[in-house]
Amino acid sequence: MVSTKPFQNYEDLLTLLGERGMRIADLASAEESLRNIGYYRLSGYWYPFREPFPNQQKLHGYELTRKNEFREGTNFDDIIRLVRFDTRLRKAALSALEPVEIWLRNAIAHAIGSVHPLLHLHLDDPSMLDLQMQPPIKEPNQVERYAKWLDRFDASIGYSKEDFVHHYRDRNEDLPIWAAVQTFEWGTLHNLYDLLPKWMREQIAADTGLTFKELGSWQRSLAYLRNTCAHYARLYNRVDDAPLVPRKPSSTLSWIRAYPESLRDRTFFKLSMLQYLHGVIEGEPHFGLTKIAHEFLMANFPGHDLSTHSHSLPILTAMGCPPNVINKSPWV
């Protein structure tokens, strides 16, 4: 039997936090927050407020492990304020993601549809559609990935309640790509992109200033960001895989140079990618996302940002934001 931590009720959990140095001004309000949000979810927000162990090896400049005790000045109300900032940031990010995902659906559908409306169903053998083109699905791993994609596609069509899906199904017709993409989750969409011929991915990526490989990588990062937001998970202090970036960025992508490799796996770089693509598609960055990000980054949280503390981890650092970039492209 694997041992685990014992269950504790809300009152005991608040006592534990107080013993570890967290200030709790209103116990009744704090208990209500534990009931509504949960101790474990909140622990992801107060982790940087805990004292780090001294003399430990760090990864990318961040402490790897921390003590149970909180830094001086840590306040439960500040933790809740941080949670609310994060909630606003998620909502703004989802709003900014909407036109990017919709554009990507249409760009992929247009590229495929211009060759054949049903090419997405025959990438392994375009000759089935009387097309004179080499099949992009050749290698065994591609064959396996495409088979899984087709299974996922069939499932999405099978459980769809959309009237247009029933229209094609009742007529025993396959959905053309411009209709099919309306049923895709982002994961289904970017997996299809990765299976397309190189020249077609280059065509889709052309307007973004990215290579086809870079756009594919950015799609995976933004799909993860979207799922994080859609499932109300924490954006603050989150680490993810770093996407591909241009080795020699063009003038429109020169803002990438402000982000060293150590920051490209953190939230703020993913939000900057989103703002860049939003600007490409909509002609300007998402105002609401810029506004809340600026407010968040300028907020003060005692116990978190201790400028005199040798192990300070300010909000800017936790989000992976280099100095002053919020006032530059692609944020303005």
C-alpha atoms as a PDB file:
ATOM      1  CA  MET A   1       0.000   0.000   0.000  1.00  0.00           C
ATOM      2  CA  VAL A   2       1.415   3.391  -1.027  1.00  0.00           C
ATOM      3  CA  SER A   3       1.275   5.967   1.752  1.00  0.00           C
ATOM      4  CA  THR A   4      -0.163   9.426   1.126  1.00  0.00           C
ATOM      5  CA  LYS A   5      -0.855  12.570   3.084  1.00  0.00           C
ATOM      6  CA  PRO A   6      -3.756  12.306   5.557  1.00  0.00           C
ATOM      7  CA  PHE A   7      -7.014  14.111   4.847  1.00  0.00           C
ATOM      8  CA  GLN A   8      -7.543  17.358   6.750  1.00  0.00           C
ATOM      9  CA  ASN A   9     -10.660  19.499   7.045  1.00  0.00           C
ATOM     10  CA  TYR A  10     -10.707  23.181   6.111  1.00  0.00           C
ATOM     11  CA  GLU A  11     -10.222  24.429   9.663  1.00  0.00           C
ATOM     12  CA  ASP A  12      -7.149  22.248  10.139  1.00  0.00           C
ATOM     13  CA  LEU A  13      -5.718  23.345   6.786  1.00  0.00           C
ATOM     14  CA  LEU A  14      -6.031  27.016   7.760  1.00  0.00           C
ATOM     15  CA  THR A  15      -4.324  26.273  11.065  1.00  0.00           C
ATOM     16  CA  LEU A  16      -1.511  24.562   9.160  1.00  0.00           C
ATOM     17  CA  LEU A  17      -1.060  27.563   6.857  1.00  0.00           C
ATOM     18  CA  GLY A  18      -0.928  29.886   9.851  1.00  0.00           C
ATOM     19  CA  GLU A  19       1.674  27.721  11.574  1.00  0.00           C
ATOM     20  CA  ARG A  20       3.802  27.919   8.431  1.00  0.00           C
ATOM     21  CA  GLY A  21       3.779  31.703   8.474  1.00  0.00           C
ATOM     22  CA  MET A  22       0.896  32.745   6.223  1.00  0.00           C
ATOM     23  CA  ARG A  23      -1.114  35.700   7.482  1.00  0.00           C
ATOM     24  CA  ILE A  24      -4.870  35.075   7.476  1.00  0.00           C
ATOM     25  CA  ALA A  25      -6.850  38.160   8.445  1.00  0.00           C
ATOM     26  CA  ASP A  26     -10.340  36.695   7.966  1.00  0.00           C
ATOM     27  CA  LEU A  27     -10.622  32.998   8.808  1.00  0.00           C
ATOM     28  CA  ALA A  28     -14.250  32.722   7.683  1.00  0.00           C
ATOM     29  CA  SER A  29     -13.491  34.245   4.278  1.00  0.00           C
ATOM     30  CA  ALA A  30     -10.380  32.085   3.912  1.00  0.00           C
ATOM     31  CA  GLU A  31     -12.366  28.940   4.709  1.00  0.00           C
ATOM     32  CA  GLU A  32     -14.937  29.896   2.083  1.00  0.00           C
ATOM     33  CA  SER A  33     -12.111  30.252  -0.459  1.00  0.00           C
ATOM     34  CA  LEU A  34     -10.830  26.778   0.432  1.00  0.00           C
ATOM     35  CA  ARG A  35     -14.344  25.397  -0.055  1.00  0.00           C
ATOM     36  CA  ASN A  36     -14.806  27.111  -3.420  1.00  0.00           C
ATOM     37  CA  ILE A  37     -11.312  26.722  -4.880  1.00  0.00           C
ATOM     38  CA  GLY A  38      -9.556  23.948  -2.982  1.00  0.00           C
ATOM     39  CA  TYR A  39      -6.337  23.769  -0.977  1.00  0.00           C
ATOM     40  CA  TYR A  40      -4.382  21.844  -3.603  1.00  0.00           C
ATOM     41  CA  ARG A  41      -5.287  24.218  -6.446  1.00  0.00           C
ATOM     42  CA  LEU A  42      -4.331  27.210  -4.314  1.00  0.00           C
ATOM     43  CA  SER A  43      -1.005  25.592  -3.424  1.00  0.00           C
ATOM     44  CA  GLY A  44       0.146  26.145  -7.020  1.00  0.00           C
ATOM     45  CA  TYR A  45      -0.277  29.872  -6.483  1.00  0.00           C
ATOM     46  CA  TRP A  46       1.398  30.099  -3.095  1.00  0.00           C
ATOM     47  CA  TYR A  47       4.332  27.851  -3.980  1.00  0.00           C
ATOM     48  CA  PRO A  48       6.624  30.801  -4.970  1.00  0.00           C
ATOM     49  CA  PHE A  49       5.776  32.433  -1.620  1.00  0.00           C
ATOM     50  CA  ARG A  50       7.437  29.558   0.245  1.00  0.00           C
ATOM     51  CA  GLU A  51      11.021  29.869   1.492  1.00  0.00           C
ATOM     52  CA  PRO A  52      13.505  28.192  -0.878  1.00  0.00           C
ATOM     53  CA  PHE A  53      16.105  25.785   0.414  1.00  0.00           C
ATOM     54  CA  PRO A  54      19.529  27.452   0.353  1.00  0.00           C
ATOM     55  CA  ASN A  55      22.496  26.394  -1.779  1.00  0.00           C
ATOM     56  CA  GLN A  56      20.572  24.198  -4.189  1.00  0.00           C
ATOM     57  CA  GLN A  57      21.223  23.810  -7.875  1.00  0.00           C
ATOM     58  CA  LYS A  58      18.723  25.777  -9.946  1.00  0.00           C
ATOM     59  CA  LEU A  59      17.155  25.169 -13.344  1.00  0.00           C
ATOM     60  CA  HIS A  60      16.980  28.307 -15.507  1.00  0.00           C
ATOM     61  CA  GLY A  61      17.517  30.398 -12.387  1.00  0.00           C
ATOM     62  CA  TYR A  62      14.453  29.117 -10.517  1.00  0.00           C
ATOM     63  CA  GLU A  63      14.533  27.339  -7.169  1.00  0.00           C
ATOM     64  CA  LEU A  64      13.702  23.669  -7.570  1.00  0.00           C
ATOM     65  CA  THR A  65      12.484  22.889  -4.077  1.00  0.00           C
ATOM     66  CA  ARG A  66      11.098  24.968  -1.238  1.00  0.00           C
ATOM     67  CA  LYS A  67      10.447  24.663   2.471  1.00  0.00           C
ATOM     68  CA  ASN A  68       6.949  24.428   3.901  1.00  0.00           C
ATOM     69  CA  GLU A  69       7.416  27.785   5.660  1.00  0.00           C
ATOM     70  CA  PHE A  70       6.274  30.953   3.902  1.00  0.00           C
ATOM     71  CA  ARG A  71       8.309  34.079   3.314  1.00  0.00           C
ATOM     72  CA  GLU A  72       7.743  37.023   5.592  1.00  0.00           C
ATOM     73  CA  GLY A  73       4.761  39.102   4.456  1.00  0.00           C
ATOM     74  CA  THR A  74       2.856  36.259   2.768  1.00  0.00           C
ATOM     75  CA  ASN A  75      -0.869  36.983   3.040  1.00  0.00           C
ATOM     76  CA  PHE A  76      -3.803  34.716   2.180  1.00  0.00           C
ATOM     77  CA  ASP A  77      -5.685  37.650   0.653  1.00  0.00           C
ATOM     78  CA  ASP A  78      -2.787  38.219  -1.774  1.00  0.00           C
ATOM     79  CA  ILE A  79      -3.009  34.587  -2.871  1.00  0.00           C
ATOM     80  CA  ILE A  80      -6.685  35.058  -3.708  1.00  0.00           C
ATOM     81  CA  ARG A  81      -5.863  38.293  -5.525  1.00  0.00           C
ATOM     82  CA  LEU A  82      -3.279  36.374  -7.561  1.00  0.00           C
ATOM     83  CA  VAL A  83      -5.896  33.726  -8.404  1.00  0.00           C
ATOM     84  CA  ARG A  84      -8.287  36.430  -9.624  1.00  0.00           C
ATOM     85  CA  PHE A  85      -5.606  38.004 -11.795  1.00  0.00           C
ATOM     86  CA  ASP A  86      -4.942  34.574 -13.288  1.00  0.00           C
ATOM     87  CA  THR A  87      -8.653  34.075 -13.984  1.00  0.00           C
ATOM     88  CA  ARG A  88      -8.837  37.384 -15.855  1.00  0.00           C
ATOM     89  CA  LEU A  89      -5.705  36.486 -17.795  1.00  0.00           C
ATOM     90  CA  ARG A  90      -7.194  33.129 -18.871  1.00  0.00           C
ATOM     91  CA  LYS A  91     -10.402  34.771 -20.075  1.00  0.00           C
ATOM     92  CA  ALA A  92      -8.486  37.382 -22.071  1.00  0.00           C
ATOM     93  CA  ALA A  93      -6.214  34.708 -23.565  1.00  0.00           C
ATOM     94  CA  LEU A  94      -9.219  32.647 -24.673  1.00  0.00           C
ATOM     95  CA  SER A  95     -10.722  35.717 -26.313  1.00  0.00           C
ATOM     96  CA  ALA A  96      -7.438  36.374 -28.138  1.00  0.00           C
ATOM     97  CA  LEU A  97      -7.155  32.740 -29.205  1.00  0.00           C
ATOM     98  CA  GLU A  98     -10.548  32.727 -30.915  1.00  0.00           C
ATOM     99  CA  PRO A  99      -9.632  34.518 -34.181  1.00  0.00           C
ATOM    100  CA  VAL A 100      -6.319  32.646 -34.367  1.00  0.00           C
ATOM    101  CA  GLU A 101      -7.986  29.238 -34.177  1.00  0.00           C
ATOM    102  CA  ILE A 102     -10.727  30.244 -36.611  1.00  0.00           C
ATOM    103  CA  TRP A 103      -8.150  31.597 -39.077  1.00  0.00           C
ATOM    104  CA  LEU A 104      -6.166  28.382 -38.840  1.00  0.00           C
ATOM    105  CA  ARG A 105      -9.272  26.273 -39.514  1.00  0.00           C
ATOM    106  CA  ASN A 106     -10.008  28.259 -42.647  1.00  0.00           C
ATOM    107  CA  ALA A 107      -6.388  28.387 -43.858  1.00  0.00           C
ATOM    108  CA  ILE A 108      -6.051  24.604 -43.617  1.00  0.00           C
ATOM    109  CA  ALA A 109      -9.472  24.006 -45.178  1.00  0.00           C
ATOM    110  CA  HIS A 110      -8.721  26.393 -48.052  1.00  0.00           C
ATOM    111  CA  ALA A 111      -5.321  24.822 -48.786  1.00  0.00           C
ATOM    112  CA  ILE A 112      -6.742  21.287 -48.792  1.00  0.00           C
ATOM    113  CA  GLY A 113      -9.966  22.200 -50.569  1.00  0.00           C
ATOM    114  CA  SER A 114      -8.113  23.908 -53.406  1.00  0.00           C
ATOM    115  CA  VAL A 115      -6.634  20.496 -54.284  1.00  0.00           C
ATOM    116  CA  HIS A 116      -9.671  18.333 -53.497  1.00  0.00           C
ATOM    117  CA  PRO A 117     -12.537  18.678 -50.984  1.00  0.00           C
ATOM    118  CA  LEU A 118     -11.893  15.162 -49.645  1.00  0.00           C
ATOM    119  CA  LEU A 119      -8.092  15.051 -49.690  1.00  0.00           C
ATOM    120  CA  HIS A 120      -8.018  14.930 -45.857  1.00  0.00           C
ATOM    121  CA  LEU A 121      -9.581  11.444 -46.094  1.00  0.00           C
ATOM    122  CA  HIS A 122      -7.078  10.101 -48.644  1.00  0.00           C
ATOM    123  CA  LEU A 123      -3.686  11.550 -47.735  1.00  0.00           C
ATOM    124  CA  ASP A 124      -2.259   8.028 -47.838  1.00  0.00           C
ATOM    125  CA  ASP A 125      -3.500   7.439 -51.402  1.00  0.00           C
ATOM    126  CA  PRO A 126      -4.552  10.573 -53.354  1.00  0.00           C
ATOM    127  CA  SER A 127      -4.984   8.444 -56.469  1.00  0.00           C
ATOM    128  CA  MET A 128      -8.327   7.366 -54.977  1.00  0.00           C
ATOM    129  CA  LEU A 129      -9.447  10.883 -55.889  1.00  0.00           C
ATOM    130  CA  ASP A 130      -7.816  10.738 -59.347  1.00  0.00           C
ATOM    131  CA  LEU A 131      -5.113  13.136 -58.143  1.00  0.00           C
ATOM    132  CA  GLN A 132      -1.666  13.041 -59.686  1.00  0.00           C
ATOM    133  CA  MET A 133       0.331  13.804 -56.538  1.00  0.00           C
ATOM    134  CA  GLN A 134       2.715  11.928 -54.310  1.00  0.00           C
ATOM    135  CA  PRO A 135       1.068  10.752 -51.079  1.00  0.00           C
ATOM    136  CA  PRO A 136       2.468  12.714 -48.110  1.00  0.00           C
ATOM    137  CA  ILE A 137       1.867   9.685 -45.875  1.00  0.00           C
ATOM    138  CA  LYS A 138       4.761   7.303 -46.554  1.00  0.00           C
ATOM    139  CA  GLU A 139       6.796   6.449 -43.462  1.00  0.00           C
ATOM    140  CA  PRO A 140       5.470   3.818 -41.014  1.00  0.00           C
ATOM    141  CA  ASN A 141       5.163   6.364 -38.201  1.00  0.00           C
ATOM    142  CA  GLN A 142       3.152   8.655 -40.511  1.00  0.00           C
ATOM    143  CA  VAL A 143       0.879   5.777 -41.470  1.00  0.00           C
ATOM    144  CA  GLU A 144       0.232   5.070 -37.801  1.00  0.00           C
ATOM    145  CA  ARG A 145      -0.363   8.750 -36.972  1.00  0.00           C
ATOM    146  CA  TYR A 146      -2.728   9.151 -39.916  1.00  0.00           C
ATOM    147  CA  ALA A 147      -4.700   6.054 -38.915  1.00  0.00           C
ATOM    148  CA  LYS A 148      -5.105   7.503 -35.427  1.00  0.00           C
ATOM    149  CA  TRP A 149      -6.121  10.843 -36.920  1.00  0.00           C
ATOM    150  CA  LEU A 150      -8.790   9.178 -39.085  1.00  0.00           C
ATOM    151  CA  ASP A 151     -10.140   7.354 -36.018  1.00  0.00           C
ATOM    152  CA  ARG A 152     -10.301  10.653 -34.153  1.00  0.00           C
ATOM    153  CA  PHE A 153     -11.967  12.312 -37.138  1.00  0.00           C
ATOM    154  CA  ASP A 154     -14.581   9.557 -37.402  1.00  0.00           C
ATOM    155  CA  ALA A 155     -15.291   9.890 -33.691  1.00  0.00           C
ATOM    156  CA  SER A 156     -15.754  13.665 -33.930  1.00  0.00           C
ATOM    157  CA  ILE A 157     -18.192  13.207 -36.808  1.00  0.00           C
ATOM    158  CA  GLY A 158     -19.935  10.352 -35.018  1.00  0.00           C
ATOM    159  CA  TYR A 159     -20.795  12.265 -31.849  1.00  0.00           C
ATOM    160  CA  SER A 160     -21.446  15.629 -33.528  1.00  0.00           C
ATOM    161  CA  LYS A 161     -25.004  16.954 -33.168  1.00  0.00           C
ATOM    162  CA  GLU A 162     -24.502  19.708 -35.743  1.00  0.00           C
ATOM    163  CA  ASP A 163     -27.262  19.971 -38.364  1.00  0.00           C
ATOM    164  CA  PHE A 164     -24.742  20.252 -41.210  1.00  0.00           C
ATOM    165  CA  VAL A 165     -23.119  16.969 -40.129  1.00  0.00           C
ATOM    166  CA  HIS A 166     -26.516  15.228 -40.147  1.00  0.00           C
ATOM    167  CA  HIS A 167     -27.175  16.742 -43.584  1.00  0.00           C
ATOM    168  CA  TYR A 168     -24.143  15.002 -45.092  1.00  0.00           C
ATOM    169  CA  ARG A 169     -24.642  11.840 -43.061  1.00  0.00           C
ATOM    170  CA  ASP A 170     -28.274  11.484 -44.156  1.00  0.00           C
ATOM    171  CA  ARG A 171     -27.158  11.799 -47.779  1.00  0.00           C
ATOM    172  CA  ASN A 172     -24.391   9.232 -47.173  1.00  0.00           C
ATOM    173  CA  GLU A 173     -21.764  11.755 -48.253  1.00  0.00           C
ATOM    174  CA  ASP A 174     -18.343  12.495 -46.787  1.00  0.00           C
ATOM    175  CA  LEU A 175     -17.877  15.960 -45.331  1.00  0.00           C
ATOM    176  CA  PRO A 176     -15.780  18.275 -47.502  1.00  0.00           C
ATOM    177  CA  ILE A 177     -12.853  19.751 -45.628  1.00  0.00           C
ATOM    178  CA  TRP A 178     -14.432  23.209 -45.208  1.00  0.00           C
ATOM    179  CA  ALA A 179     -17.328  21.579 -43.336  1.00  0.00           C
ATOM    180  CA  ALA A 180     -15.247  18.954 -41.547  1.00  0.00           C
ATOM    181  CA  VAL A 181     -12.885  21.474 -39.893  1.00  0.00           C
ATOM    182  CA  GLN A 182     -15.849  23.011 -38.060  1.00  0.00           C
ATOM    183  CA  THR A 183     -16.010  19.830 -35.953  1.00  0.00           C
ATOM    184  CA  PHE A 184     -12.281  19.701 -35.149  1.00  0.00           C
ATOM    185  CA  GLU A 185     -10.744  20.344 -31.794  1.00  0.00           C
ATOM    186  CA  TRP A 186      -7.453  22.233 -32.064  1.00  0.00           C
ATOM    187  CA  GLY A 187      -5.530  19.030 -31.437  1.00  0.00           C
ATOM    188  CA  THR A 188      -7.235  17.369 -34.399  1.00  0.00           C
ATOM    189  CA  LEU A 189      -6.508  20.454 -36.479  1.00  0.00           C
ATOM    190  CA  HIS A 190      -2.785  20.731 -35.816  1.00  0.00           C
ATOM    191  CA  ASN A 191      -2.312  16.965 -36.157  1.00  0.00           C
ATOM    192  CA  LEU A 192      -3.835  17.208 -39.632  1.00  0.00           C
ATOM    193  CA  TYR A 193      -1.531  20.142 -40.437  1.00  0.00           C
ATOM    194  CA  ASP A 194       1.501  18.025 -39.500  1.00  0.00           C
ATOM    195  CA  LEU A 195       0.378  15.318 -41.954  1.00  0.00           C
ATOM    196  CA  LEU A 196      -0.045  17.630 -44.971  1.00  0.00           C
ATOM    197  CA  PRO A 197       2.517  17.865 -47.790  1.00  0.00           C
ATOM    198  CA  LYS A 198       5.385  20.236 -47.111  1.00  0.00           C
ATOM    199  CA  TRP A 199       4.401  22.618 -49.921  1.00  0.00           C
ATOM    200  CA  MET A 200       0.888  22.906 -48.529  1.00  0.00           C
ATOM    201  CA  ARG A 201       2.131  23.706 -45.017  1.00  0.00           C
ATOM    202  CA  GLU A 202       4.465  26.308 -46.524  1.00  0.00           C
ATOM    203  CA  GLN A 203       1.467  27.867 -48.265  1.00  0.00           C
ATOM    204  CA  ILE A 204      -0.468  28.039 -44.981  1.00  0.00           C
ATOM    205  CA  ALA A 205       2.483  29.469 -43.039  1.00  0.00           C
ATOM    206  CA  ALA A 206       3.410  32.078 -45.652  1.00  0.00           C
ATOM    207  CA  ASP A 207       1.272  34.889 -44.231  1.00  0.00           C
ATOM    208  CA  THR A 208       2.604  34.428 -40.686  1.00  0.00           C
ATOM    209  CA  GLY A 209       6.301  35.079 -41.328  1.00  0.00           C
ATOM    210  CA  LEU A 210       7.065  31.651 -39.850  1.00  0.00           C
ATOM    211  CA  THR A 211       8.375  28.517 -41.543  1.00  0.00           C
ATOM    212  CA  PHE A 212       5.984  25.591 -41.835  1.00  0.00           C
ATOM    213  CA  LYS A 213       7.821  23.787 -39.011  1.00  0.00           C
ATOM    214  CA  GLU A 214       7.704  26.833 -36.753  1.00  0.00           C
ATOM    215  CA  LEU A 215       3.983  27.341 -37.354  1.00  0.00           C
ATOM    216  CA  GLY A 216       3.382  23.665 -36.553  1.00  0.00           C
ATOM    217  CA  SER A 217       5.311  24.046 -33.308  1.00  0.00           C
ATOM    218  CA  TRP A 218       3.453  27.251 -32.410  1.00  0.00           C
ATOM    219  CA  GLN A 219       0.144  25.507 -33.042  1.00  0.00           C
ATOM    220  CA  ARG A 220       1.014  22.803 -30.522  1.00  0.00           C
ATOM    221  CA  SER A 221       1.992  25.410 -27.916  1.00  0.00           C
ATOM    222  CA  LEU A 222      -1.154  27.455 -28.486  1.00  0.00           C
ATOM    223  CA  ALA A 223      -3.359  24.343 -28.440  1.00  0.00           C
ATOM    224  CA  TYR A 224      -1.866  23.553 -25.028  1.00  0.00           C
ATOM    225  CA  LEU A 225      -2.480  27.160 -23.949  1.00  0.00           C
ATOM    226  CA  ARG A 226      -6.086  26.933 -25.136  1.00  0.00           C
ATOM    227  CA  ASN A 227      -6.677  23.682 -23.236  1.00  0.00           C
ATOM    228  CA  THR A 228      -5.091  25.199 -20.129  1.00  0.00           C
ATOM    229  CA  CYS A 229      -7.495  28.139 -20.337  1.00  0.00           C
ATOM    230  CA  ALA A 230     -10.561  26.088 -21.322  1.00  0.00           C
ATOM    231  CA  HIS A 231     -10.063  23.766 -18.337  1.00  0.00           C
ATOM    232  CA  TYR A 232      -9.445  26.702 -15.962  1.00  0.00           C
ATOM    233  CA  ALA A 233      -5.928  25.538 -15.148  1.00  0.00           C
ATOM    234  CA  ARG A 234      -3.253  27.887 -13.834  1.00  0.00           C
ATOM    235  CA  LEU A 235      -1.381  30.133 -16.278  1.00  0.00           C
ATOM    236  CA  TYR A 236       0.673  31.819 -13.577  1.00  0.00           C
ATOM    237  CA  ASN A 237       4.146  30.289 -13.095  1.00  0.00           C
ATOM    238  CA  ARG A 238       3.395  27.508 -15.611  1.00  0.00           C
ATOM    239  CA  VAL A 239       6.153  25.782 -17.577  1.00  0.00           C
ATOM    240  CA  ASP A 240       5.586  24.049 -20.930  1.00  0.00           C
ATOM    241  CA  ASP A 241       7.723  22.835 -23.828  1.00  0.00           C
ATOM    242  CA  ALA A 242       9.508  25.642 -25.659  1.00  0.00           C
ATOM    243  CA  PRO A 243       8.324  26.072 -29.293  1.00  0.00           C
ATOM    244  CA  LEU A 244      10.568  26.428 -32.314  1.00  0.00           C
ATOM    245  CA  VAL A 245      11.586  30.003 -33.141  1.00  0.00           C
ATOM    246  CA  PRO A 246      13.421  31.511 -36.124  1.00  0.00           C
ATOM    247  CA  ARG A 247      17.209  31.423 -35.802  1.00  0.00           C
ATOM    248  CA  LYS A 248      17.385  34.784 -37.551  1.00  0.00           C
ATOM    249  CA  PRO A 249      14.043  36.496 -36.914  1.00  0.00           C
ATOM    250  CA  SER A 250      12.732  38.886 -39.551  1.00  0.00           C
ATOM    251  CA  SER A 251      11.929  42.466 -38.581  1.00  0.00           C
ATOM    252  CA  THR A 252       8.336  41.538 -37.718  1.00  0.00           C
ATOM    253  CA  LEU A 253       9.592  38.775 -35.429  1.00  0.00           C
ATOM    254  CA  SER A 254      12.529  40.684 -33.940  1.00  0.00           C
ATOM    255  CA  TRP A 255      10.698  40.828 -30.581  1.00  0.00           C
ATOM    256  CA  ILE A 256      11.686  37.166 -30.078  1.00  0.00           C
ATOM    257  CA  ARG A 257      15.285  38.258 -29.411  1.00  0.00           C
ATOM    258  CA  ALA A 258      14.164  39.697 -26.054  1.00  0.00           C
ATOM    259  CA  TYR A 259      13.364  36.179 -24.836  1.00  0.00           C
ATOM    260  CA  PRO A 260      16.346  34.000 -23.972  1.00  0.00           C
ATOM    261  CA  GLU A 261      15.860  30.286 -24.401  1.00  0.00           C
ATOM    262  CA  SER A 262      15.297  29.897 -20.644  1.00  0.00           C
ATOM    263  CA  LEU A 263      12.079  31.963 -20.878  1.00  0.00           C
ATOM    264  CA  ARG A 264      10.528  30.368 -23.959  1.00  0.00           C
ATOM    265  CA  ASP A 265       8.949  27.527 -22.003  1.00  0.00           C
ATOM    266  CA  ARG A 266       7.039  29.903 -19.725  1.00  0.00           C
ATOM    267  CA  THR A 267       3.606  31.489 -19.985  1.00  0.00           C
ATOM    268  CA  PHE A 268       4.500  34.989 -21.106  1.00  0.00           C
ATOM    269  CA  PHE A 269       6.323  33.876 -24.245  1.00  0.00           C
ATOM    270  CA  LYS A 270       3.281  31.821 -25.277  1.00  0.00           C
ATOM    271  CA  LEU A 271       1.077  34.883 -24.729  1.00  0.00           C
ATOM    272  CA  SER A 272       3.508  36.944 -26.831  1.00  0.00           C
ATOM    273  CA  MET A 273       3.246  34.352 -29.628  1.00  0.00           C
ATOM    274  CA  LEU A 274      -0.521  34.660 -29.383  1.00  0.00           C
ATOM    275  CA  GLN A 275      -0.373  38.456 -29.556  1.00  0.00           C
ATOM    276  CA  TYR A 276       1.876  38.262 -32.627  1.00  0.00           C
ATOM    277  CA  LEU A 277      -0.500  35.957 -34.518  1.00  0.00           C
ATOM    278  CA  HIS A 278      -3.490  38.010 -33.384  1.00  0.00           C
ATOM    279  CA  GLY A 279      -1.763  41.035 -34.911  1.00  0.00           C
ATOM    280  CA  VAL A 280      -1.121  39.161 -38.167  1.00  0.00           C
ATOM    281  CA  ILE A 281      -4.779  38.142 -38.434  1.00  0.00           C
ATOM    282  CA  GLU A 282      -6.634  41.086 -36.887  1.00  0.00           C
ATOM    283  CA  GLY A 283      -4.133  43.853 -37.639  1.00  0.00           C
ATOM    284  CA  GLU A 284      -3.442  44.631 -33.978  1.00  0.00           C
ATOM    285  CA  PRO A 285      -2.775  42.860 -30.674  1.00  0.00           C
ATOM    286  CA  HIS A 286      -5.683  41.922 -28.419  1.00  0.00           C
ATOM    287  CA  PHE A 287      -6.348  45.001 -26.285  1.00  0.00           C
ATOM    288  CA  GLY A 288      -7.930  43.133 -23.373  1.00  0.00           C
ATOM    289  CA  LEU A 289      -5.013  40.714 -23.089  1.00  0.00           C
ATOM    290  CA  THR A 290      -2.497  43.578 -23.134  1.00  0.00           C
ATOM    291  CA  LYS A 291      -4.468  45.433 -20.455  1.00  0.00           C
ATOM    292  CA  ILE A 292      -4.776  42.578 -17.973  1.00  0.00           C
ATOM    293  CA  ALA A 293      -1.199  41.383 -18.578  1.00  0.00           C
ATOM    294  CA  HIS A 294       0.118  44.891 -17.850  1.00  0.00           C
ATOM    295  CA  GLU A 295      -1.940  45.138 -14.637  1.00  0.00           C
ATOM    296  CA  PHE A 296      -0.836  41.670 -13.557  1.00  0.00           C
ATOM    297  CA  LEU A 297       2.840  42.282 -14.146  1.00  0.00           C
ATOM    298  CA  MET A 298       2.778  45.614 -12.298  1.00  0.00           C
ATOM    299  CA  ALA A 299       0.926  44.239  -9.261  1.00  0.00           C
ATOM    300  CA  ASN A 300       2.739  43.973  -5.939  1.00  0.00           C
ATOM    301  CA  PHE A 301       2.503  40.848  -3.800  1.00  0.00           C
ATOM    302  CA  PRO A 302       4.402  41.099  -0.478  1.00  0.00           C
ATOM    303  CA  GLY A 303       6.172  37.847   0.286  1.00  0.00           C
ATOM    304  CA  HIS A 304       6.432  37.076  -3.423  1.00  0.00           C
ATOM    305  CA  ASP A 305       8.429  40.037  -4.686  1.00  0.00           C
ATOM    306  CA  LEU A 306      10.975  40.891  -2.024  1.00  0.00           C
ATOM    307  CA  SER A 307      13.548  43.066  -3.748  1.00  0.00           C
ATOM    308  CA  THR A 308      15.994  42.745  -0.849  1.00  0.00           C
ATOM    309  CA  HIS A 309      15.654  38.959  -0.683  1.00  0.00           C
ATOM    310  CA  SER A 310      18.415  36.929  -2.300  1.00  0.00           C
ATOM    311  CA  HIS A 311      15.850  34.401  -3.532  1.00  0.00           C
ATOM    312  CA  SER A 312      13.309  36.900  -4.843  1.00  0.00           C
ATOM    313  CA  LEU A 313      10.897  35.580  -7.483  1.00  0.00           C
ATOM    314  CA  PRO A 314       8.874  38.573  -8.733  1.00  0.00           C
ATOM    315  CA  ILE A 315       5.735  38.222 -10.826  1.00  0.00           C
ATOM    316  CA  LEU A 316       7.688  39.183 -13.959  1.00  0.00           C
ATOM    317  CA  THR A 317      10.085  36.303 -13.375  1.00  0.00           C
ATOM    318  CA  ALA A 318       7.353  33.806 -12.479  1.00  0.00           C
ATOM    319  CA  MET A 319       5.551  34.613 -15.737  1.00  0.00           C
ATOM    320  CA  GLY A 320       8.783  34.532 -17.777  1.00  0.00           C
ATOM    321  CA  CYS A 321       8.552  38.169 -18.825  1.00  0.00           C
ATOM    322  CA  PRO A 322      11.752  40.083 -19.723  1.00  0.00           C
ATOM    323  CA  PRO A 323      11.927  43.734 -18.569  1.00  0.00           C
ATOM    324  CA  ASN A 324       9.862  46.331 -20.465  1.00  0.00           C
ATOM    325  CA  VAL A 325       8.554  44.031 -23.228  1.00  0.00           C
ATOM    326  CA  ILE A 326       4.913  44.669 -22.310  1.00  0.00           C
ATOM    327  CA  ASN A 327       5.297  48.144 -23.845  1.00  0.00           C
ATOM    328  CA  LYS A 328       6.744  46.863 -27.127  1.00  0.00           C
ATOM    329  CA  SER A 329       5.747  44.704 -30.114  1.00  0.00           C
ATOM    330  CA  PRO A 330       3.826  42.400 -30.285  1.00  0.00           C
ATOM    331  CA  TRP A 331       1.923  43.782 -27.264  1.00  0.00           C
ATOM    332  CA  VAL A 332       1.310  47.289 -28.630  1.00  0.00           C
END
